[in-house]
Amino acid sequence: AEARMQQSRVEHERQRQAKERVRLDKAWAVERERFEQEWARRASALEADNAQRIRVLEEVHMYALEEHEAAATVRRAAMHYRMSKGLLEYSLTEKQLALGERYDEAIIVKKRSDALRRREERAFDRTASAKFDLERERLDAAQQSEMDNLRQKCHALSVAHER
């Protein structure tokens, strides 16, 4: 009788533990589901935040580029070609020849002067364009570096969140 009671208690305890295990498994499944939903919500929020940061930086870069282009246009318009010493001498010589009524020689000097002016203006335009191109390249490089840094930071946040 004592053995049967002992066995009955053991059996009753096993049934209780089995029921408890089922309840714990259900509770664990519910908690796990809540955790995964919260984790997915946070991951989605982080992804949206990162995308927003990138969009904002792209917009800032776009406005900075527009401002740079506008300022460059104004500065380029303010720049003007200045004649070299040689071209000024040609111009002075041409005037002196014309005043001295030596028109054939004045025409030759004028042609040389015009050719030299065209060469100097092209060189000035190339130099000015190169200057503005270099400024634009520097701005592009700085913006690209800034964007790369932001993307790396966003990636690091995503990796840290996954851990």
C-alpha atoms as a PDB file:
ATOM      1  CA  ALA A   1       0.000   0.000   0.000  1.00  0.00           C
ATOM      2  CA  GLU A   2       2.818   2.349   0.879  1.00  0.00           C
ATOM      3  CA  ALA A   3       4.525   1.533  -2.434  1.00  0.00           C
ATOM      4  CA  ARG A   4       1.313   2.144  -4.402  1.00  0.00           C
ATOM      5  CA  MET A   5       0.842   5.488  -2.682  1.00  0.00           C
ATOM      6  CA  GLN A   6       4.428   6.381  -3.446  1.00  0.00           C
ATOM      7  CA  GLN A   7       3.963   5.341  -7.073  1.00  0.00           C
ATOM      8  CA  SER A   8       0.686   7.293  -7.230  1.00  0.00           C
ATOM      9  CA  ARG A   9       2.430  10.404  -5.886  1.00  0.00           C
ATOM     10  CA  VAL A  10       5.252   9.992  -8.403  1.00  0.00           C
ATOM     11  CA  GLU A  11       2.762   9.524 -11.241  1.00  0.00           C
ATOM     12  CA  HIS A  12       0.759  12.535 -10.051  1.00  0.00           C
ATOM     13  CA  GLU A  13       3.984  14.618  -9.884  1.00  0.00           C
ATOM     14  CA  ARG A  14       4.969  13.535 -13.430  1.00  0.00           C
ATOM     15  CA  GLN A  15       1.537  14.554 -14.745  1.00  0.00           C
ATOM     16  CA  ARG A  16       1.800  17.896 -12.956  1.00  0.00           C
ATOM     17  CA  GLN A  17       5.283  18.449 -14.375  1.00  0.00           C
ATOM     18  CA  ALA A  18       4.082  17.486 -17.874  1.00  0.00           C
ATOM     19  CA  LYS A  19       1.197  19.983 -17.622  1.00  0.00           C
ATOM     20  CA  GLU A  20       3.604  22.612 -16.272  1.00  0.00           C
ATOM     21  CA  ARG A  21       6.014  21.917 -19.157  1.00  0.00           C
ATOM     22  CA  VAL A  22       3.154  22.353 -21.686  1.00  0.00           C
ATOM     23  CA  ARG A  23       2.149  25.669 -20.057  1.00  0.00           C
ATOM     24  CA  LEU A  24       5.788  26.820 -19.998  1.00  0.00           C
ATOM     25  CA  ASP A  25       6.247  25.836 -23.655  1.00  0.00           C
ATOM     26  CA  LYS A  26       3.139  27.837 -24.594  1.00  0.00           C
ATOM     27  CA  ALA A  27       4.293  30.810 -22.525  1.00  0.00           C
ATOM     28  CA  TRP A  28       7.762  30.568 -24.053  1.00  0.00           C
ATOM     29  CA  ALA A  29       6.262  30.444 -27.567  1.00  0.00           C
ATOM     30  CA  VAL A  30       4.124  33.518 -26.840  1.00  0.00           C
ATOM     31  CA  GLU A  31       7.085  35.391 -25.331  1.00  0.00           C
ATOM     32  CA  ARG A  32       9.315  34.365 -28.234  1.00  0.00           C
ATOM     33  CA  GLU A  33       6.699  35.636 -30.716  1.00  0.00           C
ATOM     34  CA  ARG A  34       6.451  38.965 -28.856  1.00  0.00           C
ATOM     35  CA  PHE A  35      10.227  39.247 -28.775  1.00  0.00           C
ATOM     36  CA  GLU A  36      10.544  38.527 -32.508  1.00  0.00           C
ATOM     37  CA  GLN A  37       7.817  41.057 -33.322  1.00  0.00           C
ATOM     38  CA  GLU A  38       9.518  43.702 -31.175  1.00  0.00           C
ATOM     39  CA  TRP A  39      12.872  42.851 -32.726  1.00  0.00           C
ATOM     40  CA  ALA A  40      11.419  43.096 -36.239  1.00  0.00           C
ATOM     41  CA  ARG A  41       9.765  46.420 -35.341  1.00  0.00           C
ATOM     42  CA  ARG A  42      13.054  47.810 -34.049  1.00  0.00           C
ATOM     43  CA  ALA A  43      14.933  46.531 -37.112  1.00  0.00           C
ATOM     44  CA  SER A  44      12.339  48.119 -39.384  1.00  0.00           C
ATOM     45  CA  ALA A  45      12.532  51.402 -37.454  1.00  0.00           C
ATOM     46  CA  LEU A  46      16.327  51.358 -37.646  1.00  0.00           C
ATOM     47  CA  GLU A  47      16.232  50.659 -41.383  1.00  0.00           C
ATOM     48  CA  ALA A  48      13.728  53.490 -41.925  1.00  0.00           C
ATOM     49  CA  ASP A  49      15.860  55.834 -39.795  1.00  0.00           C
ATOM     50  CA  ASN A  50      18.982  54.944 -41.776  1.00  0.00           C
ATOM     51  CA  ALA A  51      17.157  55.455 -45.082  1.00  0.00           C
ATOM     52  CA  GLN A  52      15.904  58.835 -43.831  1.00  0.00           C
ATOM     53  CA  ARG A  53      19.419  59.885 -42.827  1.00  0.00           C
ATOM     54  CA  ILE A  54      20.723  58.969 -46.277  1.00  0.00           C
ATOM     55  CA  ARG A  55      17.873  60.849 -48.014  1.00  0.00           C
ATOM     56  CA  VAL A  56      18.525  63.938 -45.878  1.00  0.00           C
ATOM     57  CA  LEU A  57      22.245  63.855 -46.635  1.00  0.00           C
ATOM     58  CA  GLU A  58      21.558  63.412 -50.371  1.00  0.00           C
ATOM     59  CA  GLU A  59      19.268  66.440 -50.247  1.00  0.00           C
ATOM     60  CA  VAL A  60      21.860  68.477 -48.336  1.00  0.00           C
ATOM     61  CA  HIS A  61      24.451  67.497 -50.945  1.00  0.00           C
ATOM     62  CA  MET A  62      22.101  68.458 -53.771  1.00  0.00           C
ATOM     63  CA  TYR A  63      21.531  71.928 -52.277  1.00  0.00           C
ATOM     64  CA  ALA A  64      25.247  72.368 -51.589  1.00  0.00           C
ATOM     65  CA  LEU A  65      26.018  71.450 -55.194  1.00  0.00           C
ATOM     66  CA  GLU A  66      23.419  73.918 -56.491  1.00  0.00           C
ATOM     67  CA  GLU A  67      24.851  76.661 -54.265  1.00  0.00           C
ATOM     68  CA  HIS A  68      28.368  75.812 -55.401  1.00  0.00           C
ATOM     69  CA  GLU A  69      27.348  75.921 -59.076  1.00  0.00           C
ATOM     70  CA  ALA A  70      25.567  79.260 -58.607  1.00  0.00           C
ATOM     71  CA  ALA A  71      28.557  80.752 -56.786  1.00  0.00           C
ATOM     72  CA  ALA A  72      30.931  79.364 -59.420  1.00  0.00           C
ATOM     73  CA  THR A  73      28.820  80.912 -62.179  1.00  0.00           C
ATOM     74  CA  VAL A  74      28.944  84.290 -60.444  1.00  0.00           C
ATOM     75  CA  ARG A  75      32.696  84.036 -59.841  1.00  0.00           C
ATOM     76  CA  ARG A  76      33.290  82.893 -63.437  1.00  0.00           C
ATOM     77  CA  ALA A  77      31.292  85.835 -64.745  1.00  0.00           C
ATOM     78  CA  ALA A  78      33.341  88.192 -62.558  1.00  0.00           C
ATOM     79  CA  MET A  79      36.591  86.822 -63.974  1.00  0.00           C
ATOM     80  CA  HIS A  80      37.801  88.511 -67.112  1.00  0.00           C
ATOM     81  CA  TYR A  81      40.672  88.093 -69.457  1.00  0.00           C
ATOM     82  CA  ARG A  82      43.619  90.434 -68.977  1.00  0.00           C
ATOM     83  CA  MET A  83      45.944  91.103 -71.849  1.00  0.00           C
ATOM     84  CA  SER A  84      49.546  90.066 -71.516  1.00  0.00           C
ATOM     85  CA  LYS A  85      52.460  92.456 -71.833  1.00  0.00           C
ATOM     86  CA  GLY A  86      53.221  91.150 -75.333  1.00  0.00           C
ATOM     87  CA  LEU A  87      49.644  91.670 -76.496  1.00  0.00           C
ATOM     88  CA  LEU A  88      49.614  95.203 -75.090  1.00  0.00           C
ATOM     89  CA  GLU A  89      52.850  95.914 -76.968  1.00  0.00           C
ATOM     90  CA  TYR A  90      51.299  94.555 -80.197  1.00  0.00           C
ATOM     91  CA  SER A  91      48.278  96.808 -79.651  1.00  0.00           C
ATOM     92  CA  LEU A  92      50.460  99.851 -79.028  1.00  0.00           C
ATOM     93  CA  THR A  93      52.612  99.051 -82.085  1.00  0.00           C
ATOM     94  CA  GLU A  94      49.494  98.650 -84.242  1.00  0.00           C
ATOM     95  CA  LYS A  95      48.178 102.067 -83.162  1.00  0.00           C
ATOM     96  CA  GLN A  96      51.522 103.721 -83.797  1.00  0.00           C
ATOM     97  CA  LEU A  97      51.738 102.173 -87.277  1.00  0.00           C
ATOM     98  CA  ALA A  98      48.177 103.233 -88.089  1.00  0.00           C
ATOM     99  CA  LEU A  99      48.870 106.777 -86.914  1.00  0.00           C
ATOM    100  CA  GLY A 100      52.017 106.771 -89.007  1.00  0.00           C
ATOM    101  CA  GLU A 101      49.872 105.718 -91.975  1.00  0.00           C
ATOM    102  CA  ARG A 102      51.758 102.446 -92.404  1.00  0.00           C
ATOM    103  CA  TYR A 103      48.574 100.460 -92.858  1.00  0.00           C
ATOM    104  CA  ASP A 104      50.054  97.328 -94.436  1.00  0.00           C
ATOM    105  CA  GLU A 105      52.362  96.814 -91.473  1.00  0.00           C
ATOM    106  CA  ALA A 106      49.509  97.681 -89.061  1.00  0.00           C
ATOM    107  CA  ILE A 107      47.346  94.940 -90.648  1.00  0.00           C
ATOM    108  CA  ILE A 108      50.132  92.362 -90.200  1.00  0.00           C
ATOM    109  CA  VAL A 109      50.608  93.381 -86.551  1.00  0.00           C
ATOM    110  CA  LYS A 110      46.815  93.296 -86.064  1.00  0.00           C
ATOM    111  CA  LYS A 111      46.668  89.698 -87.391  1.00  0.00           C
ATOM    112  CA  ARG A 112      49.477  88.651 -85.065  1.00  0.00           C
ATOM    113  CA  SER A 113      47.800  90.491 -82.204  1.00  0.00           C
ATOM    114  CA  ASP A 114      44.447  88.775 -82.891  1.00  0.00           C
ATOM    115  CA  ALA A 115      46.082  85.340 -83.077  1.00  0.00           C
ATOM    116  CA  LEU A 116      47.930  85.946 -79.803  1.00  0.00           C
ATOM    117  CA  ARG A 117      44.713  87.232 -78.164  1.00  0.00           C
ATOM    118  CA  ARG A 118      42.805  84.095 -79.244  1.00  0.00           C
ATOM    119  CA  ARG A 119      45.571  81.846 -77.861  1.00  0.00           C
ATOM    120  CA  GLU A 120      45.666  83.753 -74.576  1.00  0.00           C
ATOM    121  CA  GLU A 121      41.861  83.772 -74.227  1.00  0.00           C
ATOM    122  CA  ARG A 122      41.727  80.012 -74.850  1.00  0.00           C
ATOM    123  CA  ALA A 123      44.489  79.488 -72.278  1.00  0.00           C
ATOM    124  CA  PHE A 124      42.604  81.721 -69.815  1.00  0.00           C
ATOM    125  CA  ASP A 125      39.373  79.783 -70.410  1.00  0.00           C
ATOM    126  CA  ARG A 126      41.185  76.456 -69.932  1.00  0.00           C
ATOM    127  CA  THR A 127      42.797  77.677 -66.712  1.00  0.00           C
ATOM    128  CA  ALA A 128      39.516  79.056 -65.357  1.00  0.00           C
ATOM    129  CA  SER A 129      37.642  75.887 -66.332  1.00  0.00           C
ATOM    130  CA  ALA A 130      40.316  73.726 -64.731  1.00  0.00           C
ATOM    131  CA  LYS A 131      40.060  75.776 -61.542  1.00  0.00           C
ATOM    132  CA  PHE A 132      36.284  75.372 -61.338  1.00  0.00           C
ATOM    133  CA  ASP A 133      36.488  71.700 -62.339  1.00  0.00           C
ATOM    134  CA  LEU A 134      38.976  71.107 -59.528  1.00  0.00           C
ATOM    135  CA  GLU A 135      36.674  72.838 -57.025  1.00  0.00           C
ATOM    136  CA  ARG A 136      33.765  70.689 -58.243  1.00  0.00           C
ATOM    137  CA  GLU A 137      35.866  67.509 -57.992  1.00  0.00           C
ATOM    138  CA  ARG A 138      36.874  68.427 -54.437  1.00  0.00           C
ATOM    139  CA  LEU A 139      33.244  69.053 -53.488  1.00  0.00           C
ATOM    140  CA  ASP A 140      32.208  65.747 -55.095  1.00  0.00           C
ATOM    141  CA  ALA A 141      34.980  63.894 -53.248  1.00  0.00           C
ATOM    142  CA  ALA A 142      34.036  65.483 -49.916  1.00  0.00           C
ATOM    143  CA  GLN A 143      30.367  64.668 -50.441  1.00  0.00           C
ATOM    144  CA  GLN A 144      31.165  61.095 -51.481  1.00  0.00           C
ATOM    145  CA  SER A 145      33.360  60.658 -48.413  1.00  0.00           C
ATOM    146  CA  GLU A 146      30.609  62.030 -46.184  1.00  0.00           C
ATOM    147  CA  MET A 147      28.049  59.691 -47.784  1.00  0.00           C
ATOM    148  CA  ASP A 148      30.394  56.694 -47.426  1.00  0.00           C
ATOM    149  CA  ASN A 149      30.908  57.527 -43.751  1.00  0.00           C
ATOM    150  CA  LEU A 150      27.155  57.760 -43.172  1.00  0.00           C
ATOM    151  CA  ARG A 151      26.523  54.460 -44.968  1.00  0.00           C
ATOM    152  CA  GLN A 152      29.259  52.811 -42.910  1.00  0.00           C
ATOM    153  CA  LYS A 153      27.713  54.207 -39.716  1.00  0.00           C
ATOM    154  CA  CYS A 154      24.263  52.953 -40.749  1.00  0.00           C
ATOM    155  CA  HIS A 155      25.717  49.529 -41.521  1.00  0.00           C
ATOM    156  CA  ALA A 156      27.452  49.466 -38.125  1.00  0.00           C
ATOM    157  CA  LEU A 157      24.155  50.331 -36.420  1.00  0.00           C
ATOM    158  CA  SER A 158      22.424  47.525 -38.318  1.00  0.00           C
ATOM    159  CA  VAL A 159      25.130  45.023 -37.397  1.00  0.00           C
ATOM    160  CA  ALA A 160      25.034  46.130 -33.754  1.00  0.00           C
ATOM    161  CA  HIS A 161      21.253  45.728 -33.770  1.00  0.00           C
ATOM    162  CA  GLU A 162      21.512  42.195 -35.177  1.00  0.00           C
ATOM    163  CA  ARG A 163      23.761  41.186 -32.320  1.00  0.00           C
END
